[in-house]
């Protein structure tokens, strides 16, 4: 597997010993899973993709990693209005191996 992260351009490629490819993107946290033959893995998320909108201006995934249990962590930033100003906050989401949000992963 190769993990590719970035916003509208590739930021980093992490070779992994698995036959899939995960790509994280921006605007919302979005992850797509591709099989080793380059086809979208339709068993992941909805038709091969999953998406999380934190409800802020823009959410950008910068890093994605696969955990030993098959769960996927995506970390990045979210822009949020605080009064008239915009602040950037750290954001992390965890998906199960099938692309669903992990209900055991809590936020504060």
PDB file of N, CA and C in Angstrom:
ATOM      1  N   UNK A   1       0.834  -1.172   0.000  1.00  0.00           N
ATOM      2  CA  UNK A   1       0.000   0.000   0.000  1.00  0.00           C
ATOM      3  C   UNK A   1       0.877   1.233   0.000  1.00  0.00           C
ATOM      4  N   UNK A   2       0.413   2.284  -0.617  1.00  0.00           N
ATOM      5  CA  UNK A   2       1.083   3.577  -0.567  1.00  0.00           C
ATOM      6  C   UNK A   2       0.095   4.563   0.022  1.00  0.00           C
ATOM      7  N   UNK A   3       0.516   5.301   1.044  1.00  0.00           N
ATOM      8  CA  UNK A   3      -0.324   6.345   1.627  1.00  0.00           C
ATOM      9  C   UNK A   3       0.119   7.668   1.036  1.00  0.00           C
ATOM     10  N   UNK A   4      -0.805   8.410   0.443  1.00  0.00           N
ATOM     11  CA  UNK A   4      -0.492   9.691  -0.172  1.00  0.00           C
ATOM     12  C   UNK A   4      -1.297  10.755   0.543  1.00  0.00           C
ATOM     13  N   UNK A   5      -0.642  11.815   1.006  1.00  0.00           N
ATOM     14  CA  UNK A   5      -1.342  12.874   1.716  1.00  0.00           C
ATOM     15  C   UNK A   5      -0.996  14.225   1.120  1.00  0.00           C
ATOM     16  N   UNK A   6      -1.884  15.183   1.299  1.00  0.00           N
ATOM     17  CA  UNK A   6      -1.640  16.529   0.832  1.00  0.00           C
ATOM     18  C   UNK A   6      -2.945  17.271   0.723  1.00  0.00           C
ATOM     19  N   UNK A   7      -2.906  18.467   0.148  1.00  0.00           N
ATOM     20  CA  UNK A   7      -4.148  19.180  -0.084  1.00  0.00           C
ATOM     21  C   UNK A   7      -4.479  19.035  -1.565  1.00  0.00           C
ATOM     22  N   UNK A   8      -4.292  20.065  -2.355  1.00  0.00           N
ATOM     23  CA  UNK A   8      -4.578  19.904  -3.777  1.00  0.00           C
ATOM     24  C   UNK A   8      -3.373  19.354  -4.532  1.00  0.00           C
ATOM     25  N   UNK A   9      -2.245  19.197  -3.842  1.00  0.00           N
ATOM     26  CA  UNK A   9      -1.066  18.578  -4.431  1.00  0.00           C
ATOM     27  C   UNK A   9      -0.586  17.480  -3.497  1.00  0.00           C
ATOM     28  N   UNK A  10       0.203  16.573  -4.012  1.00  0.00           N
ATOM     29  CA  UNK A  10       0.732  15.513  -3.163  1.00  0.00           C
ATOM     30  C   UNK A  10       1.721  16.094  -2.175  1.00  0.00           C
ATOM     31  N   UNK A  11       1.576  15.729  -0.904  1.00  0.00           N
ATOM     32  CA  UNK A  11       2.482  16.228   0.112  1.00  0.00           C
ATOM     33  C   UNK A  11       3.557  15.223   0.460  1.00  0.00           C
ATOM     34  N   UNK A  12       3.197  13.965   0.569  1.00  0.00           N
ATOM     35  CA  UNK A  12       4.134  12.940   1.000  1.00  0.00           C
ATOM     36  C   UNK A  12       3.620  11.579   0.555  1.00  0.00           C
ATOM     37  N   UNK A  13       4.508  10.700   0.227  1.00  0.00           N
ATOM     38  CA  UNK A  13       4.138   9.329  -0.123  1.00  0.00           C
ATOM     39  C   UNK A  13       4.801   8.401   0.874  1.00  0.00           C
ATOM     40  N   UNK A  14       4.007   7.553   1.524  1.00  0.00           N
ATOM     41  CA  UNK A  14       4.510   6.606   2.521  1.00  0.00           C
ATOM     42  C   UNK A  14       4.269   5.189   2.028  1.00  0.00           C
ATOM     43  N   UNK A  15       5.303   4.479   1.568  1.00  0.00           N
ATOM     44  CA  UNK A  15       5.089   3.090   1.164  1.00  0.00           C
ATOM     45  C   UNK A  15       4.766   2.226   2.378  1.00  0.00           C
ATOM     46  N   UNK A  16       3.769   1.381   2.254  1.00  0.00           N
ATOM     47  CA  UNK A  16       3.356   0.492   3.336  1.00  0.00           C
ATOM     48  C   UNK A  16       3.272  -0.926   2.779  1.00  0.00           C
ATOM     49  N   UNK A  17       3.425  -1.935   3.633  1.00  0.00           N
ATOM     50  CA  UNK A  17       3.414  -3.317   3.153  1.00  0.00           C
ATOM     51  C   UNK A  17       2.010  -3.898   2.975  1.00  0.00           C
ATOM     52  N   UNK A  18       1.120  -3.165   2.320  1.00  0.00           N
ATOM     53  CA  UNK A  18      -0.241  -3.628   2.087  1.00  0.00           C
ATOM     54  C   UNK A  18      -0.601  -3.322   0.637  1.00  0.00           C
ATOM     55  N   UNK A  19      -1.576  -4.022   0.055  1.00  0.00           N
ATOM     56  CA  UNK A  19      -1.849  -3.862  -1.379  1.00  0.00           C
ATOM     57  C   UNK A  19      -2.827  -2.745  -1.734  1.00  0.00           C
ATOM     58  N   UNK A  20      -3.056  -1.776  -0.866  1.00  0.00           N
ATOM     59  CA  UNK A  20      -4.027  -0.722  -1.154  1.00  0.00           C
ATOM     60  C   UNK A  20      -3.354   0.638  -1.173  1.00  0.00           C
ATOM     61  N   UNK A  21      -4.072   1.630  -1.672  1.00  0.00           N
ATOM     62  CA  UNK A  21      -3.588   3.003  -1.726  1.00  0.00           C
ATOM     63  C   UNK A  21      -4.651   3.888  -1.096  1.00  0.00           C
ATOM     64  N   UNK A  22      -4.255   4.716  -0.125  1.00  0.00           N
ATOM     65  CA  UNK A  22      -5.171   5.662   0.507  1.00  0.00           C
ATOM     66  C   UNK A  22      -4.735   7.068   0.137  1.00  0.00           C
ATOM     67  N   UNK A  23      -5.679   7.924  -0.220  1.00  0.00           N
ATOM     68  CA  UNK A  23      -5.379   9.307  -0.559  1.00  0.00           C
ATOM     69  C   UNK A  23      -6.258  10.206   0.294  1.00  0.00           C
ATOM     70  N   UNK A  24      -5.645  11.198   0.958  1.00  0.00           N
ATOM     71  CA  UNK A  24      -6.389  12.180   1.749  1.00  0.00           C
ATOM     72  C   UNK A  24      -6.410  13.499   0.986  1.00  0.00           C
ATOM     73  N   UNK A  25      -7.510  14.260   1.137  1.00  0.00           N
ATOM     74  CA  UNK A  25      -7.653  15.498   0.380  1.00  0.00           C
ATOM     75  C   UNK A  25      -8.212  16.611   1.254  1.00  0.00           C
ATOM     76  N   UNK A  26      -8.436  17.793   0.626  1.00  0.00           N
ATOM     77  CA  UNK A  26      -8.883  18.945   1.410  1.00  0.00           C
ATOM     78  C   UNK A  26     -10.316  19.358   1.091  1.00  0.00           C
ATOM     79  N   UNK A  27     -10.745  20.513   1.607  1.00  0.00           N
ATOM     80  CA  UNK A  27     -12.071  21.101   1.688  1.00  0.00           C
ATOM     81  C   UNK A  27     -12.838  20.413   2.802  1.00  0.00           C
ATOM     82  N   UNK A  28     -13.013  19.124   2.732  1.00  0.00           N
ATOM     83  CA  UNK A  28     -13.427  18.266   3.835  1.00  0.00           C
ATOM     84  C   UNK A  28     -12.318  17.225   3.957  1.00  0.00           C
ATOM     85  N   UNK A  29     -12.268  16.520   5.060  1.00  0.00           N
ATOM     86  CA  UNK A  29     -11.349  15.383   5.142  1.00  0.00           C
ATOM     87  C   UNK A  29     -11.942  14.309   4.241  1.00  0.00           C
ATOM     88  N   UNK A  30     -11.252  13.933   3.211  1.00  0.00           N
ATOM     89  CA  UNK A  30     -11.730  12.928   2.274  1.00  0.00           C
ATOM     90  C   UNK A  30     -10.650  11.878   2.089  1.00  0.00           C
ATOM     91  N   UNK A  31     -11.063  10.631   2.065  1.00  0.00           N
ATOM     92  CA  UNK A  31     -10.128   9.525   1.867  1.00  0.00           C
ATOM     93  C   UNK A  31     -10.715   8.606   0.811  1.00  0.00           C
ATOM     94  N   UNK A  32      -9.883   8.205  -0.125  1.00  0.00           N
ATOM     95  CA  UNK A  32     -10.270   7.217  -1.128  1.00  0.00           C
ATOM     96  C   UNK A  32      -9.310   6.043  -1.021  1.00  0.00           C
ATOM     97  N   UNK A  33      -9.832   4.846  -1.246  1.00  0.00           N
ATOM     98  CA  UNK A  33      -8.961   3.666  -1.211  1.00  0.00           C
ATOM     99  C   UNK A  33      -8.956   3.009  -2.592  1.00  0.00           C
ATOM    100  N   UNK A  34      -7.738   2.789  -3.087  1.00  0.00           N
ATOM    101  CA  UNK A  34      -7.532   2.152  -4.378  1.00  0.00           C
ATOM    102  C   UNK A  34      -6.858   0.804  -4.186  1.00  0.00           C
ATOM    103  N   UNK A  35      -7.226  -0.159  -4.995  1.00  0.00           N
ATOM    104  CA  UNK A  35      -6.595  -1.477  -4.979  1.00  0.00           C
ATOM    105  C   UNK A  35      -5.249  -1.406  -5.689  1.00  0.00           C
ATOM    106  N   UNK A  36      -4.461  -2.459  -5.554  1.00  0.00           N
ATOM    107  CA  UNK A  36      -3.127  -2.475  -6.155  1.00  0.00           C
ATOM    108  C   UNK A  36      -3.169  -2.384  -7.680  1.00  0.00           C
ATOM    109  N   UNK A  37      -4.309  -2.725  -8.300  1.00  0.00           N
ATOM    110  CA  UNK A  37      -4.419  -2.611  -9.755  1.00  0.00           C
ATOM    111  C   UNK A  37      -4.850  -1.211 -10.197  1.00  0.00           C
ATOM    112  N   UNK A  38      -5.013  -0.286  -9.231  1.00  0.00           N
ATOM    113  CA  UNK A  38      -5.368   1.094  -9.542  1.00  0.00           C
ATOM    114  C   UNK A  38      -6.856   1.381  -9.561  1.00  0.00           C
ATOM    115  N   UNK A  39      -7.689   0.376  -9.353  1.00  0.00           N
ATOM    116  CA  UNK A  39      -9.139   0.604  -9.351  1.00  0.00           C
ATOM    117  C   UNK A  39      -9.608   1.047  -7.967  1.00  0.00           C
ATOM    118  N   UNK A  40     -10.646   1.868  -7.950  1.00  0.00           N
ATOM    119  CA  UNK A  40     -11.239   2.325  -6.704  1.00  0.00           C
ATOM    120  C   UNK A  40     -11.864   1.130  -5.991  1.00  0.00           C
ATOM    121  N   UNK A  41     -11.553   0.951  -4.706  1.00  0.00           N
ATOM    122  CA  UNK A  41     -12.084  -0.171  -3.925  1.00  0.00           C
ATOM    123  C   UNK A  41     -13.498   0.182  -3.469  1.00  0.00           C
ATOM    124  N   UNK A  42     -14.507  -0.321  -4.170  1.00  0.00           N
ATOM    125  CA  UNK A  42     -15.913   0.021  -3.920  1.00  0.00           C
ATOM    126  C   UNK A  42     -16.432  -0.492  -2.582  1.00  0.00           C
ATOM    127  N   UNK A  43     -15.677  -1.372  -1.898  1.00  0.00           N
ATOM    128  CA  UNK A  43     -16.114  -1.874  -0.587  1.00  0.00           C
ATOM    129  C   UNK A  43     -15.759  -0.903   0.539  1.00  0.00           C
ATOM    130  N   UNK A  44     -15.025   0.155   0.220  1.00  0.00           N
ATOM    131  CA  UNK A  44     -14.588   1.140   1.205  1.00  0.00           C
ATOM    132  C   UNK A  44     -15.495   2.362   1.150  1.00  0.00           C
ATOM    133  N   UNK A  45     -16.012   2.799   2.311  1.00  0.00           N
ATOM    134  CA  UNK A  45     -16.851   3.998   2.360  1.00  0.00           C
ATOM    135  C   UNK A  45     -18.045   3.880   1.431  1.00  0.00           C
ATOM    136  N   UNK A  46     -18.305   4.944   0.679  1.00  0.00           N
ATOM    137  CA  UNK A  46     -19.365   4.957  -0.328  1.00  0.00           C
ATOM    138  C   UNK A  46     -18.685   4.959  -1.689  1.00  0.00           C
ATOM    139  N   UNK A  47     -18.780   3.843  -2.383  1.00  0.00           N
ATOM    140  CA  UNK A  47     -18.161   3.693  -3.705  1.00  0.00           C
ATOM    141  C   UNK A  47     -16.662   3.988  -3.705  1.00  0.00           C
ATOM    142  N   UNK A  48     -15.978   3.596  -2.621  1.00  0.00           N
ATOM    143  CA  UNK A  48     -14.525   3.731  -2.566  1.00  0.00           C
ATOM    144  C   UNK A  48     -14.016   4.972  -1.867  1.00  0.00           C
ATOM    145  N   UNK A  49     -14.928   5.852  -1.443  1.00  0.00           N
ATOM    146  CA  UNK A  49     -14.515   7.117  -0.824  1.00  0.00           C
ATOM    147  C   UNK A  49     -15.293   7.370   0.459  1.00  0.00           C
ATOM    148  N   UNK A  50     -14.677   8.124   1.354  1.00  0.00           N
ATOM    149  CA  UNK A  50     -15.370   8.585   2.555  1.00  0.00           C
ATOM    150  C   UNK A  50     -15.004  10.041   2.788  1.00  0.00           C
ATOM    151  N   UNK A  51     -15.870  10.766   3.461  1.00  0.00           N
ATOM    152  CA  UNK A  51     -15.744  12.211   3.561  1.00  0.00           C
ATOM    153  C   UNK A  51     -16.217  12.675   4.939  1.00  0.00           C
ATOM    154  N   UNK A  52     -15.485  13.596   5.563  1.00  0.00           N
ATOM    155  CA  UNK A  52     -15.903  14.174   6.840  1.00  0.00           C
ATOM    156  C   UNK A  52     -15.793  15.688   6.763  1.00  0.00           C
ATOM    157  N   UNK A  53     -16.903  16.364   7.024  1.00  0.00           N
ATOM    158  CA  UNK A  53     -16.947  17.823   7.075  1.00  0.00           C
ATOM    159  C   UNK A  53     -17.079  18.221   8.535  1.00  0.00           C
ATOM    160  N   UNK A  54     -16.088  18.931   9.062  1.00  0.00           N
ATOM    161  CA  UNK A  54     -16.136  19.374  10.452  1.00  0.00           C
ATOM    162  C   UNK A  54     -17.054  20.581  10.629  1.00  0.00           C
ATOM    163  N   UNK A  55     -17.603  21.102   9.531  1.00  0.00           N
ATOM    164  CA  UNK A  55     -18.517  22.232   9.617  1.00  0.00           C
ATOM    165  C   UNK A  55     -17.811  23.572   9.679  1.00  0.00           C
ATOM    166  N   UNK A  56     -16.550  23.578   9.341  1.00  0.00           N
ATOM    167  CA  UNK A  56     -15.777  24.817   9.362  1.00  0.00           C
ATOM    168  C   UNK A  56     -15.579  25.311   7.933  1.00  0.00           C
ATOM    169  N   UNK A  57     -14.772  26.357   7.783  1.00  0.00           N
ATOM    170  CA  UNK A  57     -14.534  26.929   6.459  1.00  0.00           C
ATOM    171  C   UNK A  57     -13.870  25.938   5.516  1.00  0.00           C
ATOM    172  N   UNK A  58     -12.751  25.400   5.958  1.00  0.00           N
ATOM    173  CA  UNK A  58     -11.995  24.470   5.133  1.00  0.00           C
ATOM    174  C   UNK A  58     -11.290  23.477   6.037  1.00  0.00           C
ATOM    175  N   UNK A  59     -11.357  22.219   5.704  1.00  0.00           N
ATOM    176  CA  UNK A  59     -10.690  21.156   6.453  1.00  0.00           C
ATOM    177  C   UNK A  59      -9.682  20.511   5.509  1.00  0.00           C
ATOM    178  N   UNK A  60      -8.443  20.414   5.927  1.00  0.00           N
ATOM    179  CA  UNK A  60      -7.396  19.862   5.076  1.00  0.00           C
ATOM    180  C   UNK A  60      -6.687  18.721   5.769  1.00  0.00           C
ATOM    181  N   UNK A  61      -6.684  17.555   5.161  1.00  0.00           N
ATOM    182  CA  UNK A  61      -5.940  16.415   5.682  1.00  0.00           C
ATOM    183  C   UNK A  61      -4.506  16.466   5.192  1.00  0.00           C
ATOM    184  N   UNK A  62      -3.551  16.462   6.125  1.00  0.00           N
ATOM    185  CA  UNK A  62      -2.133  16.519   5.766  1.00  0.00           C
ATOM    186  C   UNK A  62      -1.423  15.194   5.976  1.00  0.00           C
ATOM    187  N   UNK A  63      -1.935  14.353   6.847  1.00  0.00           N
ATOM    188  CA  UNK A  63      -1.256  13.097   7.167  1.00  0.00           C
ATOM    189  C   UNK A  63      -2.283  11.992   7.314  1.00  0.00           C
ATOM    190  N   UNK A  64      -1.966  10.841   6.796  1.00  0.00           N
ATOM    191  CA  UNK A  64      -2.847   9.679   6.912  1.00  0.00           C
ATOM    192  C   UNK A  64      -1.981   8.472   7.235  1.00  0.00           C
ATOM    193  N   UNK A  65      -2.463   7.644   8.152  1.00  0.00           N
ATOM    194  CA  UNK A  65      -1.725   6.432   8.499  1.00  0.00           C
ATOM    195  C   UNK A  65      -2.698   5.296   8.774  1.00  0.00           C
ATOM    196  N   UNK A  66      -2.251   4.116   8.510  1.00  0.00           N
ATOM    197  CA  UNK A  66      -3.038   2.917   8.755  1.00  0.00           C
ATOM    198  C   UNK A  66      -2.557   2.289  10.052  1.00  0.00           C
ATOM    199  N   UNK A  67      -3.487   2.047  10.983  1.00  0.00           N
ATOM    200  CA  UNK A  67      -3.134   1.430  12.253  1.00  0.00           C
ATOM    201  C   UNK A  67      -3.181  -0.095  12.128  1.00  0.00           C
ATOM    202  N   UNK A  68      -2.596  -0.778  13.108  1.00  0.00           N
ATOM    203  CA  UNK A  68      -2.481  -2.241  13.044  1.00  0.00           C
ATOM    204  C   UNK A  68      -3.841  -2.946  12.994  1.00  0.00           C
ATOM    205  N   UNK A  69      -4.897  -2.309  13.515  1.00  0.00           N
ATOM    206  CA  UNK A  69      -6.233  -2.915  13.474  1.00  0.00           C
ATOM    207  C   UNK A  69      -6.984  -2.594  12.180  1.00  0.00           C
ATOM    208  N   UNK A  70      -6.317  -1.915  11.240  1.00  0.00           N
ATOM    209  CA  UNK A  70      -6.933  -1.560   9.967  1.00  0.00           C
ATOM    210  C   UNK A  70      -7.604  -0.205   9.966  1.00  0.00           C
ATOM    211  N   UNK A  71      -7.695   0.439  11.131  1.00  0.00           N
ATOM    212  CA  UNK A  71      -8.298   1.773  11.210  1.00  0.00           C
ATOM    213  C   UNK A  71      -7.375   2.793  10.533  1.00  0.00           C
ATOM    214  N   UNK A  72      -7.967   3.879  10.053  1.00  0.00           N
ATOM    215  CA  UNK A  72      -7.239   4.908   9.324  1.00  0.00           C
ATOM    216  C   UNK A  72      -7.343   6.215  10.091  1.00  0.00           C
ATOM    217  N   UNK A  73      -6.205   6.809  10.423  1.00  0.00           N
ATOM    218  CA  UNK A  73      -6.166   8.121  11.074  1.00  0.00           C
ATOM    219  C   UNK A  73      -5.793   9.169  10.041  1.00  0.00           C
ATOM    220  N   UNK A  74      -6.560  10.257   9.998  1.00  0.00           N
ATOM    221  CA  UNK A  74      -6.239  11.391   9.142  1.00  0.00           C
ATOM    222  C   UNK A  74      -6.144  12.617  10.038  1.00  0.00           C
ATOM    223  N   UNK A  75      -5.038  13.329   9.955  1.00  0.00           N
ATOM    224  CA  UNK A  75      -4.842  14.545  10.752  1.00  0.00           C
ATOM    225  C   UNK A  75      -4.556  15.716   9.831  1.00  0.00           C
ATOM    226  N   UNK A  76      -4.946  16.887  10.293  1.00  0.00           N
ATOM    227  CA  UNK A  76      -4.719  18.083   9.500  1.00  0.00           C
ATOM    228  C   UNK A  76      -5.200  19.306  10.239  1.00  0.00           C
ATOM    229  N   UNK A  77      -5.811  20.230   9.510  1.00  0.00           N
ATOM    230  CA  UNK A  77      -6.259  21.474  10.124  1.00  0.00           C
ATOM    231  C   UNK A  77      -7.650  21.847   9.625  1.00  0.00           C
ATOM    232  N   UNK A  78      -8.318  22.670  10.436  1.00  0.00           N
ATOM    233  CA  UNK A  78      -9.627  23.216  10.085  1.00  0.00           C
ATOM    234  C   UNK A  78      -9.597  24.713  10.338  1.00  0.00           C
ATOM    235  N   UNK A  79     -10.128  25.479   9.399  1.00  0.00           N
ATOM    236  CA  UNK A  79     -10.245  26.922   9.587  1.00  0.00           C
ATOM    237  C   UNK A  79     -11.613  27.204  10.193  1.00  0.00           C
ATOM    238  N   UNK A  80     -11.646  28.050  11.236  1.00  0.00           N
ATOM    239  CA  UNK A  80     -12.886  28.336  11.949  1.00  0.00           C
ATOM    240  C   UNK A  80     -12.971  29.836  12.230  1.00  0.00           C
ATOM    241  N   UNK A  81     -14.184  30.382  12.120  1.00  0.00           N
ATOM    242  CA  UNK A  81     -14.400  31.780  12.489  1.00  0.00           C
ATOM    243  C   UNK A  81     -14.458  31.910  14.002  1.00  0.00           C
ATOM    244  N   UNK A  82     -13.702  32.822  14.556  1.00  0.00           N
ATOM    245  CA  UNK A  82     -13.776  33.220  15.964  1.00  0.00           C
ATOM    246  C   UNK A  82     -14.047  34.723  15.929  1.00  0.00           C
ATOM    247  N   UNK A  83     -15.333  35.082  16.028  1.00  0.00           N
ATOM    248  CA  UNK A  83     -15.700  36.481  15.836  1.00  0.00           C
ATOM    249  C   UNK A  83     -15.390  36.861  14.394  1.00  0.00           C
ATOM    250  N   UNK A  84     -14.725  38.007  14.193  1.00  0.00           N
ATOM    251  CA  UNK A  84     -14.402  38.414  12.826  1.00  0.00           C
ATOM    252  C   UNK A  84     -13.116  37.761  12.299  1.00  0.00           C
ATOM    253  N   UNK A  85     -12.418  37.020  13.146  1.00  0.00           N
ATOM    254  CA  UNK A  85     -11.133  36.435  12.764  1.00  0.00           C
ATOM    255  C   UNK A  85     -11.279  34.971  12.357  1.00  0.00           C
ATOM    256  N   UNK A  86     -10.312  34.502  11.615  1.00  0.00           N
ATOM    257  CA  UNK A  86     -10.242  33.087  11.242  1.00  0.00           C
ATOM    258  C   UNK A  86      -9.052  32.472  11.959  1.00  0.00           C
ATOM    259  N   UNK A  87      -9.292  31.367  12.645  1.00  0.00           N
ATOM    260  CA  UNK A  87      -8.218  30.629  13.308  1.00  0.00           C
ATOM    261  C   UNK A  87      -8.076  29.269  12.649  1.00  0.00           C
ATOM    262  N   UNK A  88      -6.871  28.729  12.741  1.00  0.00           N
ATOM    263  CA  UNK A  88      -6.618  27.387  12.233  1.00  0.00           C
ATOM    264  C   UNK A  88      -6.464  26.463  13.422  1.00  0.00           C
ATOM    265  N   UNK A  89      -7.230  25.375  13.425  1.00  0.00           N
ATOM    266  CA  UNK A  89      -7.214  24.411  14.528  1.00  0.00           C
ATOM    267  C   UNK A  89      -6.748  23.051  14.023  1.00  0.00           C
ATOM    268  N   UNK A  90      -6.098  22.299  14.899  1.00  0.00           N
ATOM    269  CA  UNK A  90      -5.679  20.933  14.605  1.00  0.00           C
ATOM    270  C   UNK A  90      -6.910  20.032  14.585  1.00  0.00           C
ATOM    271  N   UNK A  91      -6.993  19.121  13.629  1.00  0.00           N
ATOM    272  CA  UNK A  91      -8.132  18.202  13.518  1.00  0.00           C
ATOM    273  C   UNK A  91      -7.634  16.794  13.217  1.00  0.00           C
ATOM    274  N   UNK A  92      -8.302  15.813  13.803  1.00  0.00           N
ATOM    275  CA  UNK A  92      -7.989  14.407  13.539  1.00  0.00           C
ATOM    276  C   UNK A  92      -9.288  13.618  13.474  1.00  0.00           C
ATOM    277  N   UNK A  93      -9.361  12.696  12.555  1.00  0.00           N
ATOM    278  CA  UNK A  93     -10.513  11.809  12.434  1.00  0.00           C
ATOM    279  C   UNK A  93      -9.987  10.381  12.287  1.00  0.00           C
ATOM    280  N   UNK A  94     -10.771   9.424  12.770  1.00  0.00           N
ATOM    281  CA  UNK A  94     -10.399   8.014  12.638  1.00  0.00           C
ATOM    282  C   UNK A  94     -11.547   7.283  11.953  1.00  0.00           C
ATOM    283  N   UNK A  95     -11.197   6.535  10.910  1.00  0.00           N
ATOM    284  CA  UNK A  95     -12.159   5.721  10.179  1.00  0.00           C
ATOM    285  C   UNK A  95     -11.884   4.250  10.477  1.00  0.00           C
ATOM    286  N   UNK A  96     -12.931   3.442  10.464  1.00  0.00           N
ATOM    287  CA  UNK A  96     -12.747   1.997  10.577  1.00  0.00           C
ATOM    288  C   UNK A  96     -12.214   1.485   9.237  1.00  0.00           C
ATOM    289  N   UNK A  97     -11.848   0.232   9.190  1.00  0.00           N
ATOM    290  CA  UNK A  97     -11.264  -0.329   7.970  1.00  0.00           C
ATOM    291  C   UNK A  97     -12.228  -0.322   6.782  1.00  0.00           C
ATOM    292  N   UNK A  98     -13.546  -0.182   7.052  1.00  0.00           N
ATOM    293  CA  UNK A  98     -14.502  -0.125   5.939  1.00  0.00           C
ATOM    294  C   UNK A  98     -14.833   1.307   5.514  1.00  0.00           C
ATOM    295  N   UNK A  99     -14.174   2.302   6.142  1.00  0.00           N
ATOM    296  CA  UNK A  99     -14.378   3.698   5.761  1.00  0.00           C
ATOM    297  C   UNK A  99     -15.421   4.440   6.571  1.00  0.00           C
ATOM    298  N   UNK A 100     -16.001   3.798   7.585  1.00  0.00           N
ATOM    299  CA  UNK A 100     -16.971   4.464   8.464  1.00  0.00           C
ATOM    300  C   UNK A 100     -16.237   5.261   9.535  1.00  0.00           C
ATOM    301  N   UNK A 101     -16.874   6.320  10.039  1.00  0.00           N
ATOM    302  CA  UNK A 101     -16.309   7.019  11.193  1.00  0.00           C
ATOM    303  C   UNK A 101     -16.251   6.060  12.367  1.00  0.00           C
ATOM    304  N   UNK A 102     -15.152   6.068  13.093  1.00  0.00           N
ATOM    305  CA  UNK A 102     -14.992   5.184  14.242  1.00  0.00           C
ATOM    306  C   UNK A 102     -15.713   5.799  15.439  1.00  0.00           C
ATOM    307  N   UNK A 103     -16.819   5.187  15.911  1.00  0.00           N
ATOM    308  CA  UNK A 103     -17.584   5.762  17.021  1.00  0.00           C
ATOM    309  C   UNK A 103     -16.846   5.706  18.359  1.00  0.00           C
ATOM    310  N   UNK A 104     -15.778   4.922  18.453  1.00  0.00           N
ATOM    311  CA  UNK A 104     -15.020   4.839  19.711  1.00  0.00           C
ATOM    312  C   UNK A 104     -13.971   5.936  19.819  1.00  0.00           C
ATOM    313  N   UNK A 105     -13.741   6.677  18.735  1.00  0.00           N
ATOM    314  CA  UNK A 105     -12.741   7.748  18.724  1.00  0.00           C
ATOM    315  C   UNK A 105     -13.448   9.046  19.088  1.00  0.00           C
ATOM    316  N   UNK A 106     -13.158   9.584  20.252  1.00  0.00           N
ATOM    317  CA  UNK A 106     -13.878  10.755  20.774  1.00  0.00           C
ATOM    318  C   UNK A 106     -13.086  12.032  20.556  1.00  0.00           C
ATOM    319  N   UNK A 107     -13.796  13.139  20.455  1.00  0.00           N
ATOM    320  CA  UNK A 107     -13.161  14.450  20.334  1.00  0.00           C
ATOM    321  C   UNK A 107     -13.525  15.306  21.528  1.00  0.00           C
ATOM    322  N   UNK A 108     -12.753  16.354  21.717  1.00  0.00           N
ATOM    323  CA  UNK A 108     -13.009  17.291  22.814  1.00  0.00           C
ATOM    324  C   UNK A 108     -13.099  18.690  22.277  1.00  0.00           C
TER     325      UNK A 108
END
